[in-house]
Protein backbone atom coordinates (compact mmCIF):
# COMPACT_ATOMS: atom_id res chain seq x y z
CA MET A 1 -4.08 -47.72 87.96
CA LYS A 2 -1.12 -48.45 85.63
CA ASN A 3 -2.10 -52.11 85.44
CA ILE A 4 -5.72 -51.17 84.76
CA LEU A 5 -4.64 -48.86 81.93
CA LEU A 6 -2.36 -51.52 80.43
CA SER A 7 -5.16 -54.08 80.61
CA THR A 8 -7.54 -51.68 78.94
CA VAL A 9 -5.04 -51.03 76.14
CA ALA A 10 -4.47 -54.76 75.67
CA ILE A 11 -8.19 -55.47 75.54
CA ALA A 12 -8.72 -52.64 73.06
CA ALA A 13 -5.87 -53.91 70.89
CA THR A 14 -7.31 -57.39 70.95
CA CYS A 15 -10.75 -56.14 70.02
CA PHE A 16 -9.28 -54.01 67.23
CA ALA A 17 -7.29 -56.97 65.89
CA GLY A 18 -10.37 -59.15 66.02
CA SER A 19 -12.37 -56.56 64.17
CA ALA A 20 -9.64 -56.24 61.52
CA TYR A 21 -9.46 -60.00 61.03
CA ALA A 22 -13.24 -60.14 60.81
CA ASP A 23 -13.22 -57.46 58.11
CA CYS A 24 -10.60 -59.18 55.95
CA GLY A 25 -11.18 -62.76 57.04
CA ASP A 26 -9.21 -65.83 56.09
CA VAL A 27 -7.04 -65.65 52.97
CA SER A 28 -5.15 -68.68 51.61
CA LEU A 29 -2.17 -68.05 49.35
CA GLY A 30 -0.92 -70.74 46.96
CA GLU A 31 2.88 -70.94 47.01
CA PHE A 32 4.72 -72.68 44.18
CA SER A 33 8.09 -74.40 44.45
CA TRP A 34 10.31 -71.81 42.80
CA GLN A 35 12.01 -68.89 44.50
CA SER A 36 10.18 -65.93 42.97
CA SER A 37 6.81 -67.47 43.82
CA GLN A 38 7.95 -68.29 47.35
CA ALA A 39 9.20 -64.73 47.87
CA MET A 40 6.13 -63.02 46.42
CA THR A 41 3.67 -65.28 48.24
CA ASN A 42 5.32 -64.61 51.57
CA VAL A 43 5.48 -60.87 50.89
CA ASP A 44 1.72 -60.98 50.34
CA GLN A 45 1.26 -63.01 53.51
CA VAL A 46 3.16 -60.46 55.64
CA ILE A 47 1.53 -57.38 54.10
CA LEU A 48 -2.00 -58.78 54.15
CA GLN A 49 -1.66 -60.00 57.73
CA THR A 50 0.20 -57.11 59.33
CA GLY A 51 -1.01 -54.29 57.10
CA TYR A 52 -4.60 -55.26 56.38
CA GLY A 53 -5.49 -57.52 59.32
CA CYS A 54 -6.12 -60.63 57.22
CA ASN A 55 -5.67 -64.11 58.61
CA ALA A 56 -3.35 -64.96 55.73
CA THR A 57 -1.89 -68.45 55.38
CA VAL A 58 0.50 -69.95 52.82
CA VAL A 59 -0.44 -73.26 51.17
CA ALA A 60 2.19 -75.26 49.26
CA GLY A 61 1.26 -76.19 45.70
CA ASP A 62 2.33 -76.03 42.05
CA THR A 63 1.07 -74.48 38.84
CA VAL A 64 -1.21 -77.15 37.40
CA PRO A 65 -2.79 -78.64 40.55
CA THR A 66 -3.17 -75.32 42.35
CA ILE A 67 -4.78 -73.35 39.53
CA THR A 68 -6.99 -76.32 38.69
CA ALA A 69 -8.11 -76.47 42.34
CA MET A 70 -8.82 -72.72 42.32
CA ILE A 71 -11.08 -73.20 39.30
CA GLU A 72 -12.82 -76.38 40.45
CA LYS A 73 -12.91 -75.93 44.23
CA GLY A 74 -12.35 -72.21 44.84
CA GLN A 75 -9.24 -72.85 46.94
CA PRO A 76 -6.70 -71.52 47.54
CA ASP A 77 -7.95 -67.96 47.32
CA ILE A 78 -4.92 -66.45 45.60
CA ALA A 79 -1.99 -67.58 43.49
CA SER A 80 0.44 -64.71 44.01
CA GLU A 81 2.59 -65.55 40.99
CA ALA A 82 1.28 -67.69 38.15
CA THR A 83 1.50 -68.21 34.40
CA PRO A 84 -2.04 -69.21 33.41
CA SER A 85 -1.19 -69.56 29.71
CA LEU A 86 0.73 -72.71 30.62
CA LEU A 87 -2.60 -74.39 31.36
CA GLY A 88 -4.21 -73.60 28.02
CA ALA A 89 -7.94 -74.31 27.92
CA VAL A 90 -8.03 -75.35 31.59
CA TYR A 91 -7.49 -71.72 32.54
CA THR A 92 -9.27 -69.99 29.66
CA ASP A 93 -12.41 -72.05 30.21
CA GLY A 94 -12.31 -71.34 33.96
CA GLU A 95 -11.88 -67.63 33.28
CA LYS A 96 -14.77 -67.57 30.80
CA GLU A 97 -16.97 -69.26 33.40
CA GLY A 98 -15.98 -66.63 35.98
CA ARG A 99 -14.38 -69.13 38.35
CA ILE A 100 -10.96 -67.47 38.33
CA SER A 101 -9.56 -64.10 37.28
CA GLN A 102 -6.40 -62.06 37.05
CA VAL A 103 -6.32 -59.47 39.83
CA GLY A 104 -2.76 -58.18 39.52
CA THR A 105 0.68 -58.49 37.95
CA ALA A 106 3.44 -60.33 39.80
CA ILE A 107 6.47 -59.62 37.58
CA SER A 108 5.96 -56.62 35.33
CA ASP A 109 8.31 -57.80 32.57
CA GLY A 110 7.15 -61.40 32.78
CA GLN A 111 9.23 -64.53 32.49
CA VAL A 112 10.54 -66.77 29.77
CA SER A 113 10.84 -70.55 29.84
CA GLY A 114 12.64 -72.90 27.51
CA TRP A 115 15.41 -75.42 27.07
CA TYR A 116 18.76 -74.00 28.09
CA ILE A 117 22.42 -74.89 27.49
CA PRO A 118 25.41 -73.60 29.53
CA GLU A 119 26.87 -70.28 28.42
CA TYR A 120 30.38 -71.76 28.20
CA PHE A 121 29.03 -74.45 25.88
CA ALA A 122 27.17 -71.96 23.69
CA LYS A 123 30.36 -69.90 23.26
CA THR A 124 32.33 -72.89 21.97
CA HIS A 125 29.49 -74.36 19.89
CA THR A 126 28.17 -71.30 18.11
CA ASP A 127 26.34 -73.45 15.57
CA ILE A 128 23.87 -74.64 18.23
CA LYS A 129 21.27 -71.93 18.63
CA THR A 130 17.96 -73.76 18.30
CA VAL A 131 16.31 -76.85 19.72
CA GLU A 132 16.57 -78.41 16.28
CA ASP A 133 20.32 -77.73 16.19
CA ALA A 134 20.81 -79.43 19.56
CA MET A 135 18.74 -82.47 18.61
CA LYS A 136 21.21 -83.22 15.80
CA HIS A 137 24.03 -83.76 18.30
CA PRO A 138 23.18 -86.21 21.10
CA GLU A 139 26.91 -86.84 21.59
CA LEU A 140 27.33 -83.27 22.89
CA PHE A 141 24.73 -83.72 25.65
CA PRO A 142 25.40 -87.26 26.95
CA SER A 143 23.12 -88.93 29.48
CA SER A 144 24.90 -89.85 32.71
CA GLU A 145 23.22 -93.26 32.60
CA ASP A 146 23.80 -94.04 28.92
CA SER A 147 26.45 -91.96 27.18
CA SER A 148 25.30 -93.25 23.79
CA LYS A 149 22.16 -91.13 24.23
CA GLY A 150 21.71 -87.43 24.60
CA ALA A 151 19.67 -86.16 27.58
CA VAL A 152 17.21 -83.41 28.42
CA ILE A 153 16.87 -82.62 32.13
CA GLN A 154 13.20 -82.22 33.07
CA GLY A 155 11.68 -80.36 36.01
CA PRO A 156 9.45 -81.89 38.68
CA GLN A 157 5.91 -83.06 38.04
CA GLY A 158 3.23 -80.47 38.73
CA TRP A 159 5.00 -77.64 36.90
CA GLY A 160 3.43 -76.27 33.74
CA ASP A 161 6.89 -76.09 32.18
CA THR A 162 7.38 -79.80 32.87
CA VAL A 163 4.21 -80.60 30.95
CA VAL A 164 5.44 -78.55 27.99
CA THR A 165 8.87 -80.20 28.12
CA ALA A 166 7.28 -83.65 28.05
CA GLN A 167 5.04 -82.72 25.12
CA LEU A 168 7.90 -81.16 23.19
CA PHE A 169 10.11 -84.19 23.80
CA LYS A 170 7.30 -86.48 22.64
CA ALA A 171 6.73 -84.38 19.53
CA LEU A 172 10.41 -84.39 18.57
CA ASN A 173 10.40 -88.19 18.76
CA ASN A 174 14.18 -88.42 18.70
CA PRO A 175 15.34 -91.96 19.63
CA ASN A 176 18.85 -90.67 20.28
CA PHE A 177 17.72 -88.66 23.31
CA VAL A 178 16.27 -89.57 26.70
CA MET A 179 14.49 -87.38 29.21
CA VAL A 180 15.89 -87.22 32.76
CA PRO A 181 13.16 -86.33 35.29
CA THR A 182 13.85 -84.60 38.60
CA GLY A 183 11.67 -84.97 41.66
CA SER A 184 11.81 -81.44 43.04
CA ALA A 185 12.98 -77.90 42.35
CA ALA A 186 16.03 -78.57 44.54
CA ALA A 187 16.85 -81.72 42.58
CA LEU A 188 16.58 -79.82 39.29
CA ASP A 189 18.91 -77.08 40.54
CA GLY A 190 21.27 -79.69 41.94
CA ALA A 191 21.49 -81.55 38.62
CA ILE A 192 22.20 -78.29 36.79
CA SER A 193 24.77 -77.12 39.36
CA LYS A 194 26.67 -80.41 39.25
CA ALA A 195 26.77 -80.54 35.45
CA TYR A 196 27.73 -76.87 35.20
CA GLU A 197 30.58 -77.08 37.69
CA GLN A 198 31.92 -80.14 35.85
CA LYS A 199 31.74 -78.14 32.60
CA GLN A 200 29.54 -80.75 30.94
CA GLY A 201 27.38 -80.26 27.90
CA PHE A 202 23.71 -80.49 28.89
CA ILE A 203 20.19 -79.38 27.97
CA THR A 204 17.76 -78.50 30.71
CA GLN A 205 14.29 -77.12 31.16
CA TYR A 206 14.51 -73.78 33.00
CA TRP A 207 13.21 -70.21 33.09
CA ALA A 208 14.13 -66.61 33.89
CA PRO A 209 14.28 -64.69 36.14
CA THR A 210 16.07 -66.96 38.61
CA SER A 211 19.06 -66.61 40.88
CA LEU A 212 20.49 -69.83 39.45
CA LEU A 213 20.94 -68.15 36.07
CA VAL A 214 22.90 -65.41 37.80
CA LYS A 215 25.26 -67.97 39.34
CA TYR A 216 25.28 -70.33 36.36
CA PRO A 217 24.69 -68.32 33.16
CA MET A 218 22.85 -70.27 30.48
CA VAL A 219 21.58 -69.57 26.98
CA ARG A 220 18.03 -70.31 25.89
CA LEU A 221 17.65 -72.43 22.77
CA GLU A 222 15.23 -70.94 20.26
CA MET A 223 12.21 -72.48 18.56
CA ALA A 224 8.98 -71.28 16.93
CA HIS A 225 5.80 -70.77 18.93
CA ASP A 226 2.35 -71.62 17.57
CA GLU A 227 -0.48 -70.26 19.71
CA ALA A 228 -3.16 -72.54 18.28
CA GLU A 229 -1.05 -75.65 18.79
CA TRP A 230 -0.19 -74.49 22.29
CA ALA A 231 -3.88 -74.33 23.19
CA ARG A 232 -4.70 -77.57 21.36
CA CYS A 233 -1.99 -79.82 22.72
CA THR A 234 1.36 -78.41 23.90
CA SER A 235 0.02 -77.30 27.27
CA LYS A 236 -2.14 -80.40 27.82
CA GLN A 237 -0.51 -83.26 29.67
CA ASP A 238 -2.75 -85.97 28.19
CA CYS A 239 -2.77 -84.78 24.58
CA PRO A 240 -1.57 -87.79 22.58
CA ASP A 241 -0.29 -86.16 19.38
CA PRO A 242 1.75 -83.02 20.11
CA LYS A 243 3.63 -81.19 17.38
CA PRO A 244 6.99 -79.45 17.96
CA ASN A 245 6.12 -76.18 19.67
CA TYR A 246 7.82 -73.83 22.13
CA TRP A 247 7.23 -71.25 24.82
CA LYS A 248 6.73 -67.58 24.15
CA GLN A 249 7.57 -64.92 26.74
CA ALA A 250 4.93 -65.46 29.39
CA GLU A 251 2.99 -63.25 31.76
CA MET A 252 3.55 -63.58 35.52
CA VAL A 253 0.30 -62.54 37.11
CA THR A 254 -1.73 -62.81 40.30
CA LEU A 255 -4.88 -64.93 40.18
CA ALA A 256 -7.87 -65.08 42.51
CA SER A 257 -10.69 -67.56 42.85
CA LYS A 258 -14.27 -66.40 42.37
CA SER A 259 -15.10 -66.90 46.05
CA PHE A 260 -12.26 -64.61 47.08
CA SER A 261 -13.06 -61.95 44.48
CA ASP A 262 -16.69 -61.91 45.58
CA ARG A 263 -15.91 -61.34 49.25
CA ALA A 264 -12.58 -59.49 49.26
CA ASP A 265 -12.31 -56.02 50.79
CA ALA A 266 -11.75 -53.21 48.28
CA ALA A 267 -8.50 -52.17 49.99
CA VAL A 268 -7.08 -55.67 49.63
CA LYS A 269 -8.08 -55.78 45.96
CA ASP A 270 -6.39 -52.42 45.44
CA TYR A 271 -3.18 -53.76 47.00
CA LEU A 272 -3.14 -56.82 44.75
CA ALA A 273 -3.78 -54.64 41.70
CA LYS A 274 -0.88 -52.31 42.48
CA ARG A 275 1.63 -54.85 43.80
CA SER A 276 4.28 -55.76 41.20
CA TRP A 277 8.06 -55.99 40.89
CA ASN A 278 10.33 -56.45 37.87
CA GLN A 279 12.89 -59.11 36.97
CA ALA A 280 15.83 -57.08 38.30
CA GLU A 281 14.12 -56.47 41.66
CA VAL A 282 13.03 -60.05 42.24
CA SER A 283 16.45 -61.30 41.08
CA ARG A 284 18.03 -59.31 43.94
CA VAL A 285 15.76 -61.05 46.41
CA MET A 286 16.39 -64.49 44.92
CA ALA A 287 20.16 -63.95 44.90
CA TRP A 288 20.04 -63.09 48.61
CA MET A 289 17.92 -66.18 49.28
CA THR A 290 20.39 -68.40 47.44
CA ASP A 291 23.46 -66.92 49.10
CA ASN A 292 21.89 -67.33 52.54
CA GLN A 293 20.10 -70.64 51.94
CA ALA A 294 16.91 -68.81 52.86
CA ASN A 295 13.30 -69.78 52.29
CA GLY A 296 10.46 -67.63 50.98
CA ALA A 297 9.53 -66.28 54.41
CA ASP A 298 13.13 -65.18 54.99
CA GLY A 299 13.32 -63.64 51.54
CA ALA A 300 10.10 -61.70 52.12
CA LYS A 301 11.39 -60.23 55.37
CA TRP A 302 14.71 -59.29 53.76
CA PHE A 303 12.89 -57.60 50.89
CA LEU A 304 10.53 -55.67 53.15
CA LYS A 305 13.41 -54.46 55.31
CA ASN A 306 15.89 -53.67 52.55
CA MET A 307 13.83 -52.57 49.54
CA PRO A 308 11.10 -50.27 50.93
CA GLU A 309 11.42 -48.02 47.87
CA VAL A 310 9.77 -50.83 45.88
CA TRP A 311 6.94 -52.01 48.11
CA GLU A 312 5.90 -48.77 49.84
CA LYS A 313 4.44 -47.66 46.49
CA TRP A 314 1.98 -50.55 46.68
CA VAL A 315 0.21 -49.52 49.88
CA PRO A 316 -1.11 -46.46 51.74
CA ALA A 317 1.26 -44.84 54.26
CA GLU A 318 -0.64 -46.18 57.27
CA VAL A 319 -0.40 -49.74 55.95
CA ALA A 320 3.33 -49.34 55.31
CA ALA A 321 3.77 -48.13 58.90
CA LYS A 322 2.00 -51.22 60.25
CA VAL A 323 4.14 -53.54 58.14
CA LYS A 324 7.37 -51.85 59.24
CA ALA A 325 6.35 -51.99 62.87
CA ALA A 326 5.79 -55.74 62.57
CA LEU A 327 9.16 -56.54 60.97
């Protein structure tokens, strides 16, 4: 009788799970190559799968190719953390056509990108506050390959910030500087870490919030932002005639393709609309990930176990109970 009862419970659980998956269906989540995106995407994966019964999968990508694919192909379904303004007309046109939309906020106080110099360098060179100031002194930021030239460290291809860095560098047209590309997020962080620990002068593309800026404090160089020029050329990789232009503080939002928005369950939409953390909260998660050499899945589990006061506000009590039981 005990075995019969256990079998009945197992069958019922299986049927219930199947029904839940059928209700929510398959959900693909685009994960980008920086820590906050990796953490947020995996938090969504765990909550959607264990709390809402979705068949949620994580798909590796990056800002430009992923958001473009969402607009043109309807996949992946969701970009958990994205800065659509980095894509200029590519995103605004897709939004106007109803192919993609903002369904939530990832980081409530946004993020800021730019060219950064080390804090120790900024303290001893107080005259260098802007991009223009730095461009006058290539000797202070020597390239490792040619010390007669200054260098700007660039992020990996596929990042919206990398496109902007390339366009800004082209617009400045300074023959005394070279751009040093990096092939991955890890390579970018490695180049910064090495230069910082050797107390070198350097300029690098970067953004906040990040755990790296906690470990290696840096100062953002300033420059004017022109919205019209940003839309015309700064954010477009193939624009041939960029003018000097810079980032403004950017939104960090959650995007969904039209196909997902059309079919998504109301409860899932409500979760995505409510789900948001701030720079201080995500910085705690990223710092733990860095200290423990952890990936996004590890960071998500740590966050869900150790910061319930943040995420339990995003979901109904019964969903929170399911998520906790699965951890």
